[in-house]
Amino acid sequence: MAVKDRLHRSELAVPGSNARMLEKAPDAGADLVFLDLEDAVAPDDKEKARENIIYALKNYDWSKCAVSIRMNGLDTHYAYRDLVDVVEACGDKLDTILIPKVGSAADVYFVATMLSQIEAYKGYKQINIHVLIETAMGGANVEEIARACPERMEAMVFGVADYAASVRARTTNIGGANPEYVMLSDPDESGKREYHWNDQWHFIISRMVAACRAYGLRPIDGPYGDFNDPEGYMAAARRAAALGCEGKWAIHPSQVALANEVFTPTEKEVTRAQRILEEMEKAAKEGKGAVSLDGRLIDAASIRMAENVVRQMKQIESRRAG
């Protein structure tokens, strides 16, 4: 069965064509590193990138993070060789395969079938699947995709750049704010009006999060293009966290620590979660269904939220200890 509790606070993208970056990737501090064969690699470099990734998987220590490859899209002739060459050679080193531009459940089934055959042939353990929701078709079919292959599916990622192109959104930012996507207030007494910026991607991310939660997957936010803008990255990450995402891509090593910070519960959050569980345990012994803590009602829903926080913190502490 697919791993359902892996940490995904930070997912570092590493071009398969850059041998130097591949060498540094295992020690970057990311929860997951995906070695990219798709957008970050020029067509003439695809074969060499596969060779680089195979070498990196075989020769570097990946024990500090989960590791994945982003294969090429199923609408290209590179895709099947990505699976055959890399997975056959190093399937025992891979935790997941990231499928780009998934438009329907059929895309997931195709890759799952290929993986099953390679695993049976090579005697490998199961490799899980991540999918990128980055097209209009993928957005329209997100629930169908989330239901596909529950034994392998682990996470969904929102790919903002390709999604924007697919729906013909009028923006050139990758994951940043759009000054055209605003609301204008009514005039005040002096006739002055205020602009209120909004999140252009609120709907599709919320829909992806709902599909993930309905079918036991982990929702991950995609890239923030300006790696010289840590404040902008943090704001985008906090927005994603507020909507229910569990992590965010890092397209530069400097973004890894930012993602880990945003998606790690604060000491205050952990302390409150522990207090909630303690108070509810007392209430249960006394036959009470709900109690108050610091003047606020806590009930069964509070327990579920608190358990999520405590469970995640235990995972993080376990990773640090390791």
Protein backbone atom coordinates (compact mmCIF):
# COMPACT_ATOMS: atom_id res chain seq x y z
CA MET A 1 0.00 0.00 0.00
CA ALA A 2 1.05 3.60 -0.58
CA VAL A 3 2.83 5.44 2.22
CA LYS A 4 0.31 7.89 3.68
CA ASP A 5 2.37 9.62 6.36
CA ARG A 6 5.60 10.66 4.63
CA LEU A 7 6.80 14.19 5.35
CA HIS A 8 6.41 16.55 2.39
CA ARG A 9 7.12 19.95 3.96
CA SER A 10 9.75 20.70 1.33
CA GLU A 11 10.17 19.06 -2.07
CA LEU A 12 13.39 20.13 -3.79
CA ALA A 13 13.55 20.14 -7.59
CA VAL A 14 16.92 19.12 -9.02
CA PRO A 15 17.62 19.11 -12.80
CA GLY A 16 18.87 15.75 -13.97
CA SER A 17 21.20 17.53 -16.38
CA ASN A 18 23.12 19.27 -13.56
CA ALA A 19 25.57 16.78 -12.05
CA ARG A 20 26.81 19.25 -9.43
CA MET A 21 23.32 19.91 -8.09
CA LEU A 22 22.58 16.18 -8.03
CA GLU A 23 25.63 15.61 -5.83
CA LYS A 24 24.53 18.27 -3.31
CA ALA A 25 20.83 17.35 -3.26
CA PRO A 26 20.87 14.60 -0.58
CA ASP A 27 22.21 17.07 2.00
CA ALA A 28 19.94 20.01 1.13
CA GLY A 29 17.62 19.37 4.09
CA ALA A 30 14.50 18.69 2.02
CA ASP A 31 11.96 16.09 3.08
CA LEU A 32 11.80 14.90 -0.53
CA VAL A 33 14.06 15.48 -3.53
CA PHE A 34 12.75 14.94 -7.03
CA LEU A 35 15.27 14.51 -9.80
CA ASP A 36 13.83 16.21 -12.84
CA LEU A 37 13.78 14.75 -16.33
CA GLU A 38 11.04 17.01 -17.64
CA ASP A 39 10.87 20.83 -17.84
CA ALA A 40 14.31 21.51 -16.37
CA VAL A 41 16.04 19.37 -19.03
CA ALA A 42 16.43 20.40 -22.67
CA PRO A 43 15.40 17.81 -25.30
CA ASP A 44 19.00 17.19 -26.39
CA ASP A 45 19.99 16.48 -22.76
CA LYS A 46 17.30 13.94 -21.87
CA GLU A 47 19.42 10.83 -22.31
CA LYS A 48 22.39 12.29 -20.47
CA ALA A 49 20.06 13.40 -17.65
CA ARG A 50 18.86 9.81 -17.24
CA GLU A 51 22.46 8.65 -17.01
CA ASN A 52 23.25 11.35 -14.44
CA ILE A 53 20.26 10.39 -12.31
CA ILE A 54 21.08 6.68 -12.42
CA TYR A 55 24.63 7.47 -11.29
CA ALA A 56 23.37 9.74 -8.51
CA LEU A 57 20.85 7.21 -7.23
CA LYS A 58 23.44 4.45 -7.17
CA ASN A 59 26.33 6.38 -5.69
CA TYR A 60 24.96 9.01 -3.26
CA ASP A 61 23.46 8.52 0.19
CA TRP A 62 19.72 9.33 0.04
CA SER A 63 18.93 8.20 3.60
CA LYS A 64 18.25 11.76 4.78
CA CYS A 65 15.29 12.31 2.44
CA ALA A 66 12.73 10.61 0.25
CA VAL A 67 13.71 10.55 -3.42
CA SER A 68 11.67 10.70 -6.60
CA ILE A 69 12.03 11.33 -10.31
CA ARG A 70 9.80 13.57 -12.38
CA MET A 71 9.38 11.70 -15.61
CA ASN A 72 8.51 13.33 -18.89
CA GLY A 73 4.88 13.76 -19.88
CA LEU A 74 2.97 10.82 -21.32
CA ASP A 75 2.39 12.82 -24.49
CA THR A 76 6.13 12.62 -25.26
CA HIS A 77 8.30 9.76 -26.53
CA TYR A 78 10.67 10.30 -23.58
CA ALA A 79 8.24 8.99 -20.98
CA TYR A 80 8.50 5.23 -21.42
CA ARG A 81 12.31 5.30 -21.51
CA ASP A 82 12.34 7.34 -18.30
CA LEU A 83 10.54 4.49 -16.60
CA VAL A 84 12.36 1.62 -18.29
CA ASP A 85 15.88 3.03 -18.01
CA VAL A 86 15.78 4.70 -14.59
CA VAL A 87 13.36 2.45 -12.71
CA GLU A 88 14.90 -0.77 -13.98
CA ALA A 89 18.34 0.44 -12.97
CA CYS A 90 17.45 2.09 -9.65
CA GLY A 91 13.90 1.22 -8.65
CA ASP A 92 15.15 0.01 -5.29
CA LYS A 93 16.37 3.56 -4.56
CA LEU A 94 13.13 5.36 -5.49
CA ASP A 95 10.26 6.21 -3.17
CA THR A 96 7.96 7.75 -5.78
CA ILE A 97 7.49 8.64 -9.43
CA LEU A 98 6.14 12.13 -10.17
CA ILE A 99 3.88 12.18 -13.24
CA PRO A 100 3.51 15.60 -14.89
CA LYS A 101 0.43 17.01 -16.61
CA VAL A 102 -1.94 14.28 -15.45
CA GLY A 103 -5.28 14.76 -17.15
CA SER A 104 -7.22 11.64 -16.19
CA ALA A 105 -7.07 8.46 -14.15
CA ALA A 106 -5.88 6.63 -17.28
CA ASP A 107 -2.55 8.44 -17.05
CA VAL A 108 -2.04 7.10 -13.53
CA TYR A 109 -3.06 3.56 -14.54
CA PHE A 110 -0.56 3.54 -17.39
CA VAL A 111 2.38 4.43 -15.14
CA ALA A 112 1.16 2.09 -12.41
CA THR A 113 1.04 -0.80 -14.90
CA MET A 114 4.56 -0.07 -16.12
CA LEU A 115 5.82 0.08 -12.53
CA SER A 116 4.12 -3.20 -11.63
CA GLN A 117 5.83 -4.95 -14.52
CA ILE A 118 9.26 -3.52 -13.74
CA GLU A 119 8.89 -4.31 -10.03
CA ALA A 120 7.90 -7.90 -10.81
CA TYR A 121 10.78 -8.33 -13.26
CA LYS A 122 13.42 -6.80 -10.96
CA GLY A 123 12.02 -7.93 -7.61
CA TYR A 124 11.65 -4.37 -6.33
CA LYS A 125 9.30 -3.19 -3.59
CA GLN A 126 6.39 -0.97 -4.58
CA ILE A 127 7.15 2.53 -5.82
CA ASN A 128 4.50 5.13 -5.06
CA ILE A 129 3.06 7.79 -7.37
CA HIS A 130 2.75 11.56 -7.13
CA VAL A 131 0.75 13.46 -9.74
CA LEU A 132 0.97 17.03 -10.95
CA ILE A 133 -2.30 18.88 -11.44
CA GLU A 134 -1.19 21.48 -13.96
CA THR A 135 -3.66 21.44 -16.85
CA ALA A 136 -7.28 22.41 -17.33
CA MET A 137 -8.09 18.73 -17.89
CA GLY A 138 -6.35 17.75 -14.68
CA GLY A 139 -8.22 20.41 -12.75
CA ALA A 140 -11.55 19.29 -14.22
CA ASN A 141 -10.83 15.62 -13.37
CA VAL A 142 -9.06 16.09 -10.05
CA GLU A 143 -11.48 13.89 -8.07
CA GLU A 144 -11.28 11.08 -10.64
CA ILE A 145 -7.48 11.27 -10.56
CA ALA A 146 -7.40 11.25 -6.76
CA ARG A 147 -9.39 7.98 -6.74
CA ALA A 148 -7.01 6.23 -9.15
CA CYS A 149 -4.69 3.52 -7.83
CA PRO A 150 -5.17 4.00 -4.08
CA GLU A 151 -2.56 1.32 -3.48
CA ARG A 152 0.10 3.56 -5.08
CA MET A 153 -1.12 7.15 -5.03
CA GLU A 154 0.53 9.23 -2.34
CA ALA A 155 0.31 12.94 -3.16
CA MET A 156 -0.91 15.61 -5.54
CA VAL A 157 1.01 18.75 -6.45
CA PHE A 158 -0.38 21.96 -7.93
CA GLY A 159 1.80 23.05 -10.86
CA VAL A 160 0.98 26.71 -11.16
CA ALA A 161 3.00 27.68 -14.26
CA ASP A 162 1.68 25.05 -16.65
CA TYR A 163 -1.80 25.39 -15.19
CA ALA A 164 -1.76 29.13 -15.88
CA ALA A 165 -0.72 28.46 -19.46
CA SER A 166 -3.34 25.73 -19.86
CA VAL A 167 -6.25 27.91 -18.74
CA ARG A 168 -4.76 30.97 -20.48
CA ALA A 169 -4.55 32.94 -17.28
CA ARG A 170 -3.21 36.44 -17.77
CA THR A 171 -0.15 36.27 -15.61
CA THR A 172 3.56 35.71 -16.07
CA ASN A 173 4.41 35.11 -12.41
CA ILE A 174 5.16 31.60 -11.23
CA GLY A 175 3.28 31.28 -7.97
CA GLY A 176 3.44 34.97 -7.09
CA ALA A 177 0.80 37.63 -6.59
CA ASN A 178 -0.98 39.21 -9.55
CA PRO A 179 -1.69 42.97 -9.31
CA GLU A 180 -4.51 42.52 -11.83
CA TYR A 181 -6.36 40.06 -9.59
CA VAL A 182 -7.86 42.54 -7.13
CA MET A 183 -11.14 43.80 -5.73
CA LEU A 184 -11.91 47.51 -5.62
CA SER A 185 -13.77 48.80 -2.57
CA ASP A 186 -16.63 51.28 -2.66
CA PRO A 187 -15.58 54.93 -2.31
CA ASP A 188 -15.29 56.27 1.22
CA GLU A 189 -16.58 59.72 2.23
CA SER A 190 -13.67 61.39 0.47
CA GLY A 191 -14.12 59.31 -2.66
CA LYS A 192 -11.03 57.21 -2.02
CA ARG A 193 -11.15 53.53 -3.00
CA GLU A 194 -8.91 50.71 -1.85
CA TYR A 195 -7.44 47.79 -3.79
CA HIS A 196 -7.57 44.40 -2.06
CA TRP A 197 -5.26 41.78 -3.54
CA ASN A 198 -6.62 38.26 -3.87
CA ASP A 199 -5.21 34.78 -4.44
CA GLN A 200 -5.62 33.92 -8.12
CA TRP A 201 -5.19 30.19 -7.43
CA HIS A 202 -7.46 29.83 -4.41
CA PHE A 203 -10.14 27.81 -6.19
CA ILE A 204 -7.98 25.17 -7.87
CA ILE A 205 -5.76 24.64 -4.82
CA SER A 206 -8.80 24.32 -2.56
CA ARG A 207 -10.35 21.83 -4.97
CA MET A 208 -7.16 19.79 -5.10
CA VAL A 209 -6.88 19.82 -1.29
CA ALA A 210 -10.47 18.61 -0.94
CA ALA A 211 -9.87 15.77 -3.42
CA CYS A 212 -6.69 14.77 -1.60
CA ARG A 213 -8.33 14.72 1.81
CA ALA A 214 -11.33 12.81 0.49
CA TYR A 215 -9.11 10.01 -0.83
CA GLY A 216 -6.22 9.96 1.63
CA LEU A 217 -3.58 11.83 -0.39
CA ARG A 218 -1.15 14.60 0.59
CA PRO A 219 -1.72 18.01 -1.07
CA ILE A 220 1.47 19.88 -2.00
CA ASP A 221 1.83 23.40 -3.39
CA GLY A 222 4.11 23.88 -6.37
CA PRO A 223 6.83 26.37 -7.28
CA TYR A 224 7.45 30.00 -6.44
CA GLY A 225 9.57 31.30 -9.28
CA ASP A 226 11.43 34.22 -7.70
CA PHE A 227 14.00 32.55 -5.45
CA ASN A 228 15.40 36.00 -4.57
CA ASP A 229 12.13 36.84 -2.80
CA PRO A 230 12.00 34.83 0.45
CA GLU A 231 9.17 36.95 1.87
CA GLY A 232 7.04 36.29 -1.19
CA TYR A 233 7.80 32.58 -0.95
CA MET A 234 6.86 32.51 2.74
CA ALA A 235 3.60 34.32 2.03
CA ALA A 236 2.71 31.83 -0.71
CA ALA A 237 3.64 28.90 1.53
CA ARG A 238 1.52 30.21 4.41
CA ARG A 239 -1.42 30.66 2.05
CA ALA A 240 -1.05 27.06 0.92
CA ALA A 241 -0.75 25.85 4.52
CA ALA A 242 -3.87 27.78 5.49
CA LEU A 243 -5.79 26.00 2.72
CA GLY A 244 -4.61 22.57 3.91
CA CYS A 245 -1.44 21.87 1.91
CA GLU A 246 1.28 19.95 3.73
CA GLY A 247 4.29 21.23 1.85
CA LYS A 248 5.66 23.22 -1.04
CA TRP A 249 8.19 22.86 -3.81
CA ALA A 250 11.60 24.44 -3.56
CA ILE A 251 13.15 25.27 -6.93
CA HIS A 252 16.29 26.57 -5.20
CA PRO A 253 18.06 25.15 -2.13
CA SER A 254 17.51 28.44 -0.29
CA GLN A 255 13.75 27.77 -0.32
CA VAL A 256 14.03 24.44 1.52
CA ALA A 257 14.48 25.95 4.98
CA LEU A 258 11.61 28.38 4.31
CA ALA A 259 9.23 25.55 3.45
CA ASN A 260 10.33 23.49 6.44
CA GLU A 261 9.69 26.46 8.71
CA VAL A 262 6.20 27.20 7.41
CA PHE A 263 5.01 23.60 7.42
CA THR A 264 6.46 22.68 10.83
CA PRO A 265 3.99 23.27 13.69
CA THR A 266 5.15 26.01 16.05
CA GLU A 267 5.92 25.28 19.68
CA LYS A 268 2.75 27.16 20.61
CA GLU A 269 0.63 25.01 18.27
CA VAL A 270 2.15 21.78 19.59
CA THR A 271 1.67 22.82 23.22
CA ARG A 272 -1.97 23.72 22.64
CA ALA A 273 -2.60 20.47 20.73
CA GLN A 274 -1.16 18.47 23.61
CA ARG A 275 -3.29 20.39 26.12
CA ILE A 276 -6.41 19.73 24.02
CA LEU A 277 -5.73 16.01 24.03
CA GLU A 278 -5.09 16.04 27.76
CA GLU A 279 -8.30 17.98 28.50
CA MET A 280 -10.41 15.78 26.25
CA GLU A 281 -8.99 12.66 27.89
CA LYS A 282 -10.06 14.04 31.26
CA ALA A 283 -13.49 14.92 29.87
CA ALA A 284 -13.94 11.41 28.49
CA LYS A 285 -13.22 9.90 31.90
CA GLU A 286 -15.81 12.24 33.40
CA GLY A 287 -18.38 11.38 30.71
CA LYS A 288 -18.31 14.81 29.08
CA GLY A 289 -18.55 15.27 25.30
CA ALA A 290 -17.07 18.74 25.19
CA VAL A 291 -15.10 21.05 27.47
CA SER A 292 -13.62 24.53 27.30
CA LEU A 293 -9.94 25.43 27.18
CA ASP A 294 -8.81 29.03 27.67
CA GLY A 295 -12.38 30.16 27.17
CA ARG A 296 -12.95 28.29 23.91
CA LEU A 297 -15.02 25.21 23.21
CA ILE A 298 -13.15 22.05 22.29
CA ASP A 299 -14.89 18.91 21.09
CA ALA A 300 -14.34 15.84 18.90
CA ALA A 301 -13.29 17.99 15.93
CA SER A 302 -10.71 19.66 18.14
CA ILE A 303 -9.28 16.25 18.97
CA ARG A 304 -8.82 15.37 15.30
CA MET A 305 -7.02 18.63 14.56
CA ALA A 306 -4.83 18.27 17.66
CA GLU A 307 -3.96 14.68 16.78
CA ASN A 308 -2.83 15.80 13.31
CA VAL A 309 -0.46 18.36 14.83
CA VAL A 310 1.02 15.96 17.38
CA ARG A 311 1.40 13.17 14.81
CA GLN A 312 3.22 15.46 12.38
CA MET A 313 5.54 16.74 15.08
CA LYS A 314 6.47 13.19 16.05
CA GLN A 315 7.40 12.51 12.41
CA ILE A 316 9.55 15.63 12.29
CA GLU A 317 11.29 14.78 15.56
CA SER A 318 11.91 11.27 14.30
CA ARG A 319 13.51 12.68 11.13
CA ARG A 320 15.73 14.99 13.21
CA ALA A 321 16.79 12.12 15.46
CA GLY A 322 17.69 10.02 12.46
